C-alpha cells in the first residue's frame, strides 16, 4: 500500500516537471498556464476537482437516507453549467481576467473587489478544509494507523504530509501543473469507484445484468421527490443545483481559473459543457455504488454504520469487500484529496496575490513578486492545515451536506454582487458593500433559526438564493442611477 502511494506521488511529480519544461515556472505559468491548456484536459480535470473525496465517501452513504434524489440537484447543475458557459465565461474572456473578482472592482469599486475576494478566500478555505478533512481521516486510519497507531497526532501528521506533497508539485508551475495532474487523478478516482462496485457485485455473485436489477429494483433507487415540505423536493433541489453551480463554479476563482487557461472562449465553453454533462452520470455511479453497498450489508447480515460517511471506509476496513479493495480505495481517496486541494491552494494563492496584494502583470515579472507568490503559497498550505484540524475538532456527520450549507452563507453575497453588477446599471456606494455582505449571512442565519418556529419551514440549500437576494436588495438600496 505504501509503495503504491509513493509511486503515485512520484508520478504526479513527473507530470508536474514535464509541464514546467513545456510552459515554464514563472507567475504566468502559475496563474494562467500561458493560456494554452487543451480544453478537453481542463474538462476532465475539473470532474476530479469537483467530485473530490467527499463525493467518493459521502455520496454512496446518501443512498439509504435520500435514495437517488441527489440526481435532481445534479440535473439543476447541468442548467447552471450552461449559464456559466454562455453568460459568465464571455464576460471573463472579454475582460481578459486572471482573477474573476477584478470584475467587481471595474464595475463597483475597490471595496467591492476586495470584499468579493475575501468572501472567496473564506469560502474556499472552509470548503477545501472540509473536503480534505474526511480524506485525511481515512488515510490516517488505513495507512498511518498501521505504522503509528490512532490518535490526534497521527491525524495532524497525515494532514501536514498531504499538504506538503501537494505543495511540492504545485509550488513552481501552479495551475499549469494542476490542469495536467488532475487528468490522471480524475481517471484514478472514477476507476477506483468502478473497481469497488465490481468487488461488491462479485461478493454477491452478480453479473452485469444482475447488478443492474439489484440497483434499479431497490427501494433506494428513488429519484423523484414531489413533497413540497421535504428538503429533497424536486423544485428545491433543481433550483438549488442551478445556483450552486453558478456560485461554486462560475463565481469561484478555483474552478474559473482552469477555464481561463484555455486558448480562447470557444474552447472554454466546450470544456464547461462537456464537464457539466459528465457530472450527472458520475454522481449516478456513486449513488448506485451506495445502493449496492447497503444491499451487500443486508445480504451478509451486517449492520451498517449510523453515519453515511462511514459506510464505505467501514466495509473496506472490515474486509467485507475483499482484501484487494484497499488498494483502489486508498488510491481513489488520495487522488480525490490531491485533485481538490491542489487547485484550491493555487486559486487561493492567485486571489491573495492579485486581488488582495495588488499584484498586476507588470509586477508579476520581477523577482520580488515571485518571492511573494511563493511565500503566499506556503502560507495558504499552513492555514489550510489549521482549518482541517479545526474541522476535525468540530466534526460533522455528513461533510458534503456541510459544504453546501457553508456555501449558502459564504457564496450568497458573491451571487448578489455579481447579479447586481450584471443585471443593473445603477451606481452603488462602494464603501457600503462590505457591510451589506456581512449583514446578509447574519440575517440568513437568523431566518434559518426562527423559520421553523414562526412558519414551520426548514430551509435547505435554497438559503443560498435568499442570501443572494438580500445582498442584491442591499446593493439596490445603497445605489442610485448613473448620471
Protein backbone atom coordinates (compact mmCIF):
# COMPACT_ATOMS: atom_id res chain seq x y z
CA UNK A 1 0.00 0.00 0.00
CA UNK A 2 2.71 2.46 1.00
CA UNK A 3 4.76 1.58 -2.10
CA UNK A 4 1.71 2.23 -4.28
CA UNK A 5 1.15 5.66 -2.75
CA UNK A 6 4.84 6.58 -3.12
CA UNK A 7 4.77 5.52 -6.77
CA UNK A 8 1.61 7.56 -7.33
CA UNK A 9 3.16 10.66 -5.78
CA UNK A 10 6.30 10.39 -7.90
CA UNK A 11 4.12 10.06 -10.99
CA UNK A 12 2.47 13.37 -10.06
CA UNK A 13 5.88 14.98 -9.60
CA UNK A 14 6.96 13.69 -13.02
CA UNK A 15 3.87 15.17 -14.70
CA UNK A 16 4.47 18.46 -12.89
CA UNK A 17 8.09 18.62 -14.06
CA UNK A 18 7.04 17.84 -17.64
CA UNK A 19 4.56 20.70 -17.54
CA UNK A 20 7.32 23.05 -16.33
CA UNK A 21 9.53 22.11 -19.29
CA UNK A 22 6.75 22.92 -21.73
CA UNK A 23 5.40 26.12 -20.19
CA UNK A 24 7.93 27.43 -17.68
CA UNK A 25 7.66 28.05 -13.98
CA UNK A 26 7.04 31.79 -13.61
CA UNK A 27 3.96 33.64 -12.47
CA UNK A 28 2.35 33.45 -15.91
CA UNK A 29 2.52 29.64 -15.73
CA UNK A 30 1.39 29.62 -12.10
CA UNK A 31 -1.62 31.93 -12.61
CA UNK A 32 -2.65 31.32 -16.25
CA UNK A 33 -0.72 28.32 -17.67
CA UNK A 34 0.23 30.63 -20.53
CA UNK A 35 -3.43 30.42 -21.68
CA UNK A 36 -2.53 27.31 -23.67
CA UNK A 37 -4.37 24.48 -21.87
CA UNK A 38 -6.21 21.95 -24.10
CA UNK A 39 -9.97 22.27 -23.42
CA UNK A 40 -10.57 18.52 -23.06
CA UNK A 41 -7.82 18.28 -20.47
CA UNK A 42 -9.39 21.08 -18.42
CA UNK A 43 -12.82 19.39 -18.61
CA UNK A 44 -11.55 16.02 -17.38
CA UNK A 45 -9.52 17.59 -14.59
CA UNK A 46 -12.48 19.66 -13.38
CA UNK A 47 -14.51 16.47 -12.87
CA UNK A 48 -11.98 15.20 -10.35
CA UNK A 49 -11.70 18.57 -8.60
CA UNK A 50 -15.49 18.80 -8.22
CA UNK A 51 -16.03 15.19 -7.15
CA UNK A 52 -13.27 15.15 -4.54
CA UNK A 53 -13.00 12.67 -1.69
CA UNK A 54 -16.23 13.98 -0.20
CA UNK A 55 -18.26 12.64 -3.14
CA UNK A 56 -16.23 9.43 -3.08
CA UNK A 57 -17.20 8.80 0.55
CA UNK A 58 -20.33 10.85 1.28
CA UNK A 59 -22.50 10.32 -1.82
CA UNK A 60 -22.70 6.49 -1.51
CA UNK A 61 -23.78 7.00 2.09
CA UNK A 62 -26.70 9.18 0.97
CA UNK A 63 -28.40 6.27 -0.78
CA UNK A 64 -30.11 4.95 2.36
CA UNK A 65 -31.46 8.28 3.64
CA UNK A 66 -32.37 10.08 0.42
CA UNK A 67 -32.17 7.43 -2.30
CA UNK A 68 -31.03 8.89 -5.61
CA UNK A 69 -32.85 12.21 -5.15
CA UNK A 70 -29.46 13.95 -5.24
CA UNK A 71 -29.66 13.48 -9.03
CA UNK A 72 -32.43 16.11 -9.06
CA UNK A 73 -29.80 18.61 -7.92
CA UNK A 74 -27.35 17.24 -10.50
CA UNK A 75 -29.94 17.95 -13.21
CA UNK A 76 -30.02 21.53 -12.00
CA UNK A 77 -26.22 21.52 -12.19
CA UNK A 78 -26.40 21.00 -15.96
CA UNK A 79 -28.51 24.15 -16.41
CA UNK A 80 -26.10 26.02 -14.15
CA UNK A 81 -23.11 24.98 -16.27
CA UNK A 82 -24.86 26.28 -19.40
CA UNK A 83 -25.39 29.65 -17.67
CA UNK A 84 -21.73 29.77 -16.64
CA UNK A 85 -20.56 28.84 -20.16
CA UNK A 86 -22.65 31.39 -22.04
CA UNK A 87 -23.12 34.24 -19.54
CA UNK A 88 -20.08 34.42 -17.25
CA UNK A 89 -17.25 32.99 -19.38
CA UNK A 90 -17.80 35.52 -22.22
CA UNK A 91 -17.54 38.32 -19.65
CA UNK A 92 -14.32 36.96 -18.15
CA UNK A 93 -12.69 36.42 -21.55
CA UNK A 94 -13.78 39.83 -22.81
CA UNK A 95 -12.03 41.48 -19.85
CA UNK A 96 -9.06 39.06 -20.09
CA UNK A 97 -9.19 38.40 -16.36
CA UNK A 98 -6.74 36.36 -14.32
CA UNK A 99 -8.80 36.76 -11.16
CA UNK A 100 -12.54 36.92 -11.75
CA UNK A 101 -13.05 39.29 -8.80
CA UNK A 102 -11.35 42.07 -10.74
CA UNK A 103 -14.72 42.43 -12.46
CA UNK A 104 -16.23 43.68 -9.20
CA UNK A 105 -13.51 46.30 -8.98
CA UNK A 106 -14.12 47.60 -12.50
CA UNK A 107 -17.90 47.58 -12.07
CA UNK A 108 -18.34 48.82 -8.47
CA UNK A 109 -15.04 49.82 -6.89
CA UNK A 110 -12.09 48.68 -4.83
CA UNK A 111 -14.08 47.83 -1.69
CA UNK A 112 -16.36 45.54 -3.70
CA UNK A 113 -13.32 43.94 -5.34
CA UNK A 114 -11.67 43.14 -2.03
CA UNK A 115 -14.92 42.06 -0.39
CA UNK A 116 -15.60 39.55 -3.16
CA UNK A 117 -12.05 38.22 -2.93
CA UNK A 118 -12.24 37.90 0.87
CA UNK A 119 -15.53 36.00 0.70
CA UNK A 120 -13.95 33.62 -1.83
CA UNK A 121 -10.95 33.08 0.45
CA UNK A 122 -13.28 32.29 3.35
CA UNK A 123 -15.45 30.02 1.20
CA UNK A 124 -12.59 28.12 -0.38
CA UNK A 125 -10.64 27.68 2.84
CA UNK A 126 -13.63 26.19 4.67
CA UNK A 127 -14.70 24.10 1.66
CA UNK A 128 -11.20 22.77 0.96
CA UNK A 129 -10.67 22.03 4.66
CA UNK A 130 -13.96 20.12 4.85
CA UNK A 131 -13.07 18.05 1.78
CA UNK A 132 -9.54 17.30 2.92
CA UNK A 133 -10.60 16.58 6.50
CA UNK A 134 -12.54 13.48 5.54
CA UNK A 135 -9.83 12.28 3.18
CA UNK A 136 -7.03 12.80 5.71
CA UNK A 137 -9.12 10.98 8.31
CA UNK A 138 -9.43 7.95 6.03
CA UNK A 139 -5.75 7.97 5.07
CA UNK A 140 -4.73 8.16 8.73
CA UNK A 141 -6.95 5.16 9.53
CA UNK A 142 -5.88 2.99 6.60
CA UNK A 143 -2.19 3.83 6.25
CA UNK A 144 -0.78 5.80 9.20
CA UNK A 145 -2.63 3.80 11.87
CA UNK A 146 -0.80 0.64 10.82
CA UNK A 147 2.55 2.36 11.37
CA UNK A 148 1.89 4.71 14.26
CA UNK A 149 -1.45 3.88 15.86
CA UNK A 150 -4.56 6.02 16.19
CA UNK A 151 -4.92 9.47 17.75
CA UNK A 152 -4.77 13.21 17.14
CA UNK A 153 -1.03 13.41 16.46
CA UNK A 154 -1.09 10.88 13.59
CA UNK A 155 -4.02 12.77 12.04
CA UNK A 156 -2.13 16.08 12.20
CA UNK A 157 0.96 14.44 10.69
CA UNK A 158 -1.18 12.94 7.90
CA UNK A 159 -2.70 16.36 7.16
CA UNK A 160 0.69 18.06 7.05
CA UNK A 161 2.11 15.30 4.83
CA UNK A 162 -0.75 15.54 2.32
CA UNK A 163 -0.45 19.32 2.08
CA UNK A 164 3.34 19.13 1.80
CA UNK A 165 3.08 16.72 -1.12
CA UNK A 166 0.55 18.95 -2.88
CA UNK A 167 2.72 22.00 -2.29
CA UNK A 168 5.74 20.23 -3.77
CA UNK A 169 4.18 19.54 -7.16
CA UNK A 170 2.32 22.88 -7.46
CA UNK A 171 4.86 25.29 -5.99
CA UNK A 172 6.54 26.24 -9.27
CA UNK A 173 4.06 25.90 -12.13
CA UNK A 174 0.79 26.19 -10.20
CA UNK A 175 -2.31 25.93 -12.38
CA UNK A 176 -0.25 24.61 -15.28
CA UNK A 177 0.67 21.53 -13.24
CA UNK A 178 -2.84 21.26 -11.75
CA UNK A 179 -4.55 21.07 -15.16
CA UNK A 180 -2.36 18.12 -16.18
CA UNK A 181 -2.15 16.20 -12.92
CA UNK A 182 -5.90 16.43 -12.38
CA UNK A 183 -6.50 14.42 -15.56
CA UNK A 184 -4.64 11.49 -14.01
CA UNK A 185 -6.41 11.95 -10.70
CA UNK A 186 -9.88 12.06 -12.25
CA UNK A 187 -9.19 8.79 -14.07
CA UNK A 188 -7.92 7.17 -10.86
CA UNK A 189 -10.94 8.37 -8.91
CA UNK A 190 -13.55 7.08 -11.36
CA UNK A 191 -11.73 3.78 -11.96
CA UNK A 192 -11.48 3.24 -8.20
CA UNK A 193 -15.26 3.68 -7.85
CA UNK A 194 -15.88 1.21 -10.68
CA UNK A 195 -13.44 -1.26 -9.13
CA UNK A 196 -15.21 -1.12 -5.76
CA UNK A 197 -18.60 -1.55 -7.45
CA UNK A 198 -17.30 -4.64 -9.25
CA UNK A 199 -15.92 -6.00 -5.96
CA UNK A 200 -19.30 -5.56 -4.25
CA UNK A 201 -21.08 -7.29 -7.15
CA UNK A 202 -18.63 -10.21 -7.04
CA UNK A 203 -19.21 -10.70 -3.30
CA UNK A 204 -22.92 -11.18 -4.08
CA UNK A 205 -22.13 -13.34 -7.15
CA UNK A 206 -23.82 -10.89 -9.53
CA UNK A 207 -23.11 -10.40 -13.21
CA UNK A 208 -23.66 -7.12 -15.04
CA UNK A 209 -27.37 -7.74 -15.62
CA UNK A 210 -27.89 -8.94 -12.05
CA UNK A 211 -26.13 -5.87 -10.67
CA UNK A 212 -28.37 -3.63 -12.78
CA UNK A 213 -31.50 -5.37 -11.48
CA UNK A 214 -30.38 -5.16 -7.83
CA UNK A 215 -29.77 -1.41 -8.15
CA UNK A 216 -32.86 -0.47 -10.18
CA UNK A 217 -35.27 -2.65 -8.17
CA UNK A 218 -34.05 -1.39 -4.79
CA UNK A 219 -36.36 0.94 -2.80
CA UNK A 220 -33.34 3.23 -2.56
CA UNK A 221 -33.39 3.74 -6.34
CA UNK A 222 -35.77 6.66 -5.96
CA UNK A 223 -35.01 9.78 -7.97
CA UNK A 224 -38.10 11.98 -7.76
CA UNK A 225 -39.50 13.66 -4.66
CA UNK A 226 -42.65 15.77 -5.09
CA UNK A 227 -43.46 16.52 -1.44
CA UNK A 228 -43.01 20.30 -1.20
CA UNK A 229 -42.21 20.09 2.53
CA UNK A 230 -39.29 17.71 2.01
CA UNK A 231 -35.77 19.09 1.71
CA UNK A 232 -35.40 16.69 -1.25
CA UNK A 233 -38.40 18.19 -3.09
CA UNK A 234 -37.70 18.46 -6.81
CA UNK A 235 -38.11 22.21 -7.16
CA UNK A 236 -35.89 22.88 -4.14
CA UNK A 237 -33.16 20.52 -5.34
CA UNK A 238 -33.30 21.55 -9.01
CA UNK A 239 -33.25 25.31 -8.40
CA UNK A 240 -30.60 24.96 -5.70
CA UNK A 241 -28.50 22.92 -8.14
CA UNK A 242 -28.62 25.69 -10.75
CA UNK A 243 -27.48 28.41 -8.38
CA UNK A 244 -24.98 26.24 -6.51
CA UNK A 245 -23.17 25.71 -9.82
CA UNK A 246 -23.35 29.40 -10.70
CA UNK A 247 -21.74 30.41 -7.41
CA UNK A 248 -19.48 27.41 -6.68
CA UNK A 249 -18.21 27.23 -10.28
CA UNK A 250 -18.99 30.45 -12.12
CA UNK A 251 -18.14 32.76 -9.20
CA UNK A 252 -15.35 30.57 -7.85
CA UNK A 253 -11.78 31.51 -8.74
CA UNK A 254 -10.69 27.89 -8.24
CA UNK A 255 -12.93 26.49 -10.98
CA UNK A 256 -12.80 29.50 -13.30
CA UNK A 257 -9.02 29.81 -13.19
CA UNK A 258 -8.74 26.49 -15.01
CA UNK A 259 -11.20 27.59 -17.67
CA UNK A 260 -9.35 30.85 -18.16
CA UNK A 261 -6.23 28.90 -19.12
CA UNK A 262 -7.90 27.69 -22.33
CA UNK A 263 -6.74 29.18 -25.61
CA UNK A 264 -9.98 31.03 -26.34
CA UNK A 265 -13.60 31.45 -25.24
CA UNK A 266 -14.93 28.75 -27.57
CA UNK A 267 -12.58 26.15 -26.07
CA UNK A 268 -13.57 27.20 -22.55
CA UNK A 269 -17.26 26.85 -23.39
CA UNK A 270 -16.68 23.38 -24.86
CA UNK A 271 -14.87 22.21 -21.76
CA UNK A 272 -17.59 23.63 -19.47
CA UNK A 273 -20.39 21.90 -21.40
CA UNK A 274 -18.55 18.55 -21.50
CA UNK A 275 -17.81 18.81 -17.79
CA UNK A 276 -21.43 19.67 -16.99
CA UNK A 277 -22.83 16.74 -18.95
CA UNK A 278 -20.38 14.31 -17.29
CA UNK A 279 -21.37 15.33 -13.77
CA UNK A 280 -24.76 13.57 -13.82
CA UNK A 281 -23.58 10.06 -14.81
CA UNK A 282 -20.57 10.24 -12.49
CA UNK A 283 -22.75 11.02 -9.48
CA UNK A 284 -25.24 8.35 -10.59
CA UNK A 285 -22.32 5.90 -10.46
CA UNK A 286 -21.53 6.83 -6.85
CA UNK A 287 -25.18 6.62 -5.77
CA UNK A 288 -25.51 3.22 -7.48
CA UNK A 289 -22.42 2.14 -5.59
CA UNK A 290 -24.10 3.20 -2.34
CA UNK A 291 -27.21 1.14 -3.12
CA UNK A 292 -25.06 -1.88 -3.86
CA UNK A 293 -23.07 -1.45 -0.65
CA UNK A 294 -26.19 -1.25 1.52
CA UNK A 295 -27.59 -4.28 -0.29
CA UNK A 296 -24.33 -6.13 0.40
CA UNK A 297 -24.67 -5.32 4.11
CA UNK A 298 -28.17 -6.81 4.15
CA UNK A 299 -27.04 -9.82 2.12
CA UNK A 300 -24.18 -10.57 4.56
CA UNK A 301 -26.21 -9.77 7.68
CA UNK A 302 -24.05 -6.78 8.58
CA UNK A 303 -25.29 -3.71 10.44
CA UNK A 304 -24.04 -0.63 8.57
CA UNK A 305 -22.69 2.40 10.46
CA UNK A 306 -25.17 5.02 11.60
CA UNK A 307 -23.49 7.77 9.55
CA UNK A 308 -23.36 7.55 5.77
CA UNK A 309 -19.80 8.90 5.58
CA UNK A 310 -18.54 5.83 7.48
CA UNK A 311 -20.17 3.22 5.20
CA UNK A 312 -17.52 2.75 2.51
CA UNK A 313 -14.46 3.06 4.81
CA UNK A 314 -16.07 0.62 7.26
CA UNK A 315 -16.75 -2.01 4.59
CA UNK A 316 -13.21 -1.72 3.28
CA UNK A 317 -11.64 -1.92 6.75
CA UNK A 318 -13.69 -4.99 7.78
CA UNK A 319 -12.74 -6.88 4.61
CA UNK A 320 -16.38 -7.24 3.55
CA UNK A 321 -15.40 -6.26 0.01
CA UNK A 322 -12.24 -8.35 -0.13
CA UNK A 323 -8.65 -7.56 0.80
CA UNK A 324 -7.61 -6.22 -2.62
CA UNK A 325 -10.19 -3.39 -2.49
CA UNK A 326 -7.97 -1.49 -0.05
CA UNK A 327 -5.64 -0.58 -2.95
CA UNK A 328 -8.17 1.09 -5.30
CA UNK A 329 -9.95 2.64 -2.32
CA UNK A 330 -6.78 4.29 -0.99
CA UNK A 331 -5.64 5.42 -4.44
CA UNK A 332 -9.09 6.85 -5.11
CA UNK A 333 -9.05 8.73 -1.81
CA UNK A 334 -5.57 10.13 -2.40
CA UNK A 335 -6.46 11.15 -5.97
CA UNK A 336 -9.56 12.86 -4.64
CA UNK A 337 -7.61 14.68 -1.95
CA UNK A 338 -4.96 15.95 -4.33
CA UNK A 339 -7.34 16.92 -7.17
CA UNK A 340 -9.50 19.11 -4.95
CA UNK A 341 -6.76 20.61 -2.78
CA UNK A 342 -4.12 21.41 -5.41
CA UNK A 343 -6.38 23.69 -7.42
CA UNK A 344 -7.84 25.24 -4.25
CA UNK A 345 -4.39 26.16 -2.95
CA UNK A 346 -3.39 27.56 -6.33
CA UNK A 347 -6.59 29.63 -6.64
CA UNK A 348 -6.23 30.97 -3.09
CA UNK A 349 -2.66 31.98 -3.83
CA UNK A 350 -3.79 33.73 -7.04
CA UNK A 351 -6.60 35.63 -5.31
CA UNK A 352 -4.42 36.77 -2.42
CA UNK A 353 -1.61 37.91 -4.72
CA UNK A 354 -3.70 39.67 -7.36
CA UNK A 355 -6.83 40.82 -5.52
CA UNK A 356 -5.58 41.49 -2.00
CA UNK A 357 -1.89 42.33 -2.53
CA UNK A 358 -2.47 44.19 -5.81
CA UNK A 359 -0.03 42.24 -7.95
CA UNK A 360 -0.52 43.02 -11.67
CA UNK A 361 1.05 41.77 -14.88
CA UNK A 362 3.89 44.29 -14.65
CA UNK A 363 4.70 43.30 -11.07
CA UNK A 364 4.47 39.59 -11.89
CA UNK A 365 7.71 39.65 -13.84
CA UNK A 366 10.08 40.84 -11.10
CA UNK A 367 11.93 38.77 -8.54
CA UNK A 368 10.07 40.29 -5.58
CA UNK A 369 6.71 39.17 -6.95
CA UNK A 370 7.98 35.62 -7.45
CA UNK A 371 9.21 35.53 -3.86
CA UNK A 372 5.91 36.97 -2.60
CA UNK A 373 3.86 34.41 -4.51
CA UNK A 374 5.95 31.53 -3.13
CA UNK A 375 5.53 32.71 0.47
CA UNK A 376 1.80 33.22 -0.02
CA UNK A 377 1.57 29.66 -1.36
CA UNK A 378 3.31 28.35 1.76
CA UNK A 379 1.02 30.40 3.97
CA UNK A 380 -2.08 29.06 2.22
CA UNK A 381 -0.92 25.49 2.84
CA UNK A 382 -0.32 26.23 6.54
CA UNK A 383 -3.72 27.90 7.07
CA UNK A 384 -5.47 25.06 5.23
CA UNK A 385 -3.84 22.58 7.61
CA UNK A 386 -5.05 24.61 10.59
CA UNK A 387 -8.62 24.69 9.20
CA UNK A 388 -8.60 20.90 8.69
CA UNK A 389 -7.59 20.33 12.31
CA UNK A 390 -10.31 22.73 13.48
CA UNK A 391 -12.85 20.93 11.33
CA UNK A 392 -11.86 17.65 12.99
CA UNK A 393 -12.46 19.21 16.40
CA UNK A 394 -15.91 20.43 15.37
CA UNK A 395 -16.79 17.29 13.38
CA UNK A 396 -19.79 16.61 11.12
CA UNK A 397 -21.85 13.55 10.26
CA UNK A 398 -22.08 14.39 6.57
CA UNK A 399 -19.32 16.52 5.11
CA UNK A 400 -20.91 17.06 1.68
CA UNK A 401 -24.02 18.47 3.31
CA UNK A 402 -21.82 20.71 5.48
CA UNK A 403 -20.04 22.05 2.38
CA UNK A 404 -23.31 23.02 0.71
CA UNK A 405 -24.61 24.64 3.90
CA UNK A 406 -21.41 26.67 4.27
CA UNK A 407 -21.67 27.64 0.59
CA UNK A 408 -25.16 29.02 1.23
CA UNK A 409 -23.67 31.51 3.69
CA UNK A 410 -20.33 32.35 2.07
CA UNK A 411 -21.21 32.34 -1.64
CA UNK A 412 -24.57 34.11 -1.23
CA UNK A 413 -23.03 37.61 -1.09
CA UNK A 414 -21.00 36.84 -4.23
CA UNK A 415 -24.19 35.79 -6.02
CA UNK A 416 -25.89 39.05 -5.02
CA UNK A 417 -22.91 41.21 -6.03
CA UNK A 418 -22.50 39.66 -9.47
CA UNK A 419 -26.26 39.71 -10.14
CA UNK A 420 -26.38 43.41 -9.27
CA UNK A 421 -23.37 44.17 -11.44
CA UNK A 422 -24.56 42.17 -14.45
CA UNK A 423 -28.27 42.95 -14.49
CA UNK A 424 -28.44 46.57 -13.35
CA UNK A 425 -26.79 49.79 -14.47
CA UNK A 426 -27.05 51.53 -11.13
CA UNK A 427 -24.11 53.06 -9.29
CA UNK A 428 -23.62 51.53 -5.84
CA UNK A 429 -21.83 53.28 -2.99
CA UNK A 430 -18.72 51.14 -2.84
CA UNK A 431 -17.99 51.68 0.86
CA UNK A 432 -21.36 50.19 1.82
CA UNK A 433 -20.64 46.84 0.12
CA UNK A 434 -18.62 45.21 2.98
CA UNK A 435 -21.38 45.99 5.49
CA UNK A 436 -24.09 44.64 3.16
CA UNK A 437 -22.15 41.42 2.52
CA UNK A 438 -21.62 40.81 6.24
CA UNK A 439 -25.21 41.64 7.19
CA UNK A 440 -26.75 39.31 4.59
CA UNK A 441 -25.42 35.99 6.02
CA UNK A 442 -26.27 37.20 9.54
CA UNK A 443 -29.89 37.82 8.53
CA UNK A 444 -30.00 34.43 6.77
CA UNK A 445 -28.70 32.71 9.89
CA UNK A 446 -31.42 34.31 11.99
CA UNK A 447 -34.12 33.34 9.48
CA UNK A 448 -32.78 29.80 9.29
CA UNK A 449 -33.09 29.57 13.08
CA UNK A 450 -36.51 31.16 13.51
CA UNK A 451 -38.32 30.00 10.33
CA UNK A 452 -39.17 26.53 11.76
CA UNK A 453 -40.55 28.23 14.89
CA UNK A 454 -42.51 31.00 13.18
CA UNK A 455 -43.70 29.33 9.95
CA UNK A 456 -42.84 25.64 10.31
CA UNK A 457 -40.48 25.89 7.32
CA UNK A 458 -36.99 24.37 7.26
CA UNK A 459 -34.56 25.98 4.84
CA UNK A 460 -32.50 23.72 2.60
CA UNK A 461 -29.88 24.79 0.09
CA UNK A 462 -32.28 27.46 -1.21
CA UNK A 463 -30.88 29.56 1.64
CA UNK A 464 -28.22 30.46 -0.93
CA UNK A 465 -30.88 32.18 -3.08
CA UNK A 466 -32.22 34.11 -0.10
CA UNK A 467 -28.70 35.20 0.84
CA UNK A 468 -28.05 36.43 -2.69
CA UNK A 469 -31.43 38.21 -2.83
CA UNK A 470 -30.74 40.05 0.44
CA UNK A 471 -27.32 41.15 -0.83
CA UNK A 472 -28.85 42.29 -4.14
CA UNK A 473 -31.54 44.26 -2.29
CA UNK A 474 -28.95 45.88 -0.03
CA UNK A 475 -26.92 46.93 -3.08
CA UNK A 476 -30.05 48.39 -4.68
CA UNK A 477 -30.90 50.40 -1.56
CA UNK A 478 -27.32 51.71 -1.38
CA UNK A 479 -27.28 52.70 -5.07
CA UNK A 480 -28.52 55.41 -7.39
CA UNK A 481 -28.93 55.91 -11.11
CA UNK A 482 -25.81 56.70 -13.05
CA UNK A 483 -25.59 60.27 -14.28
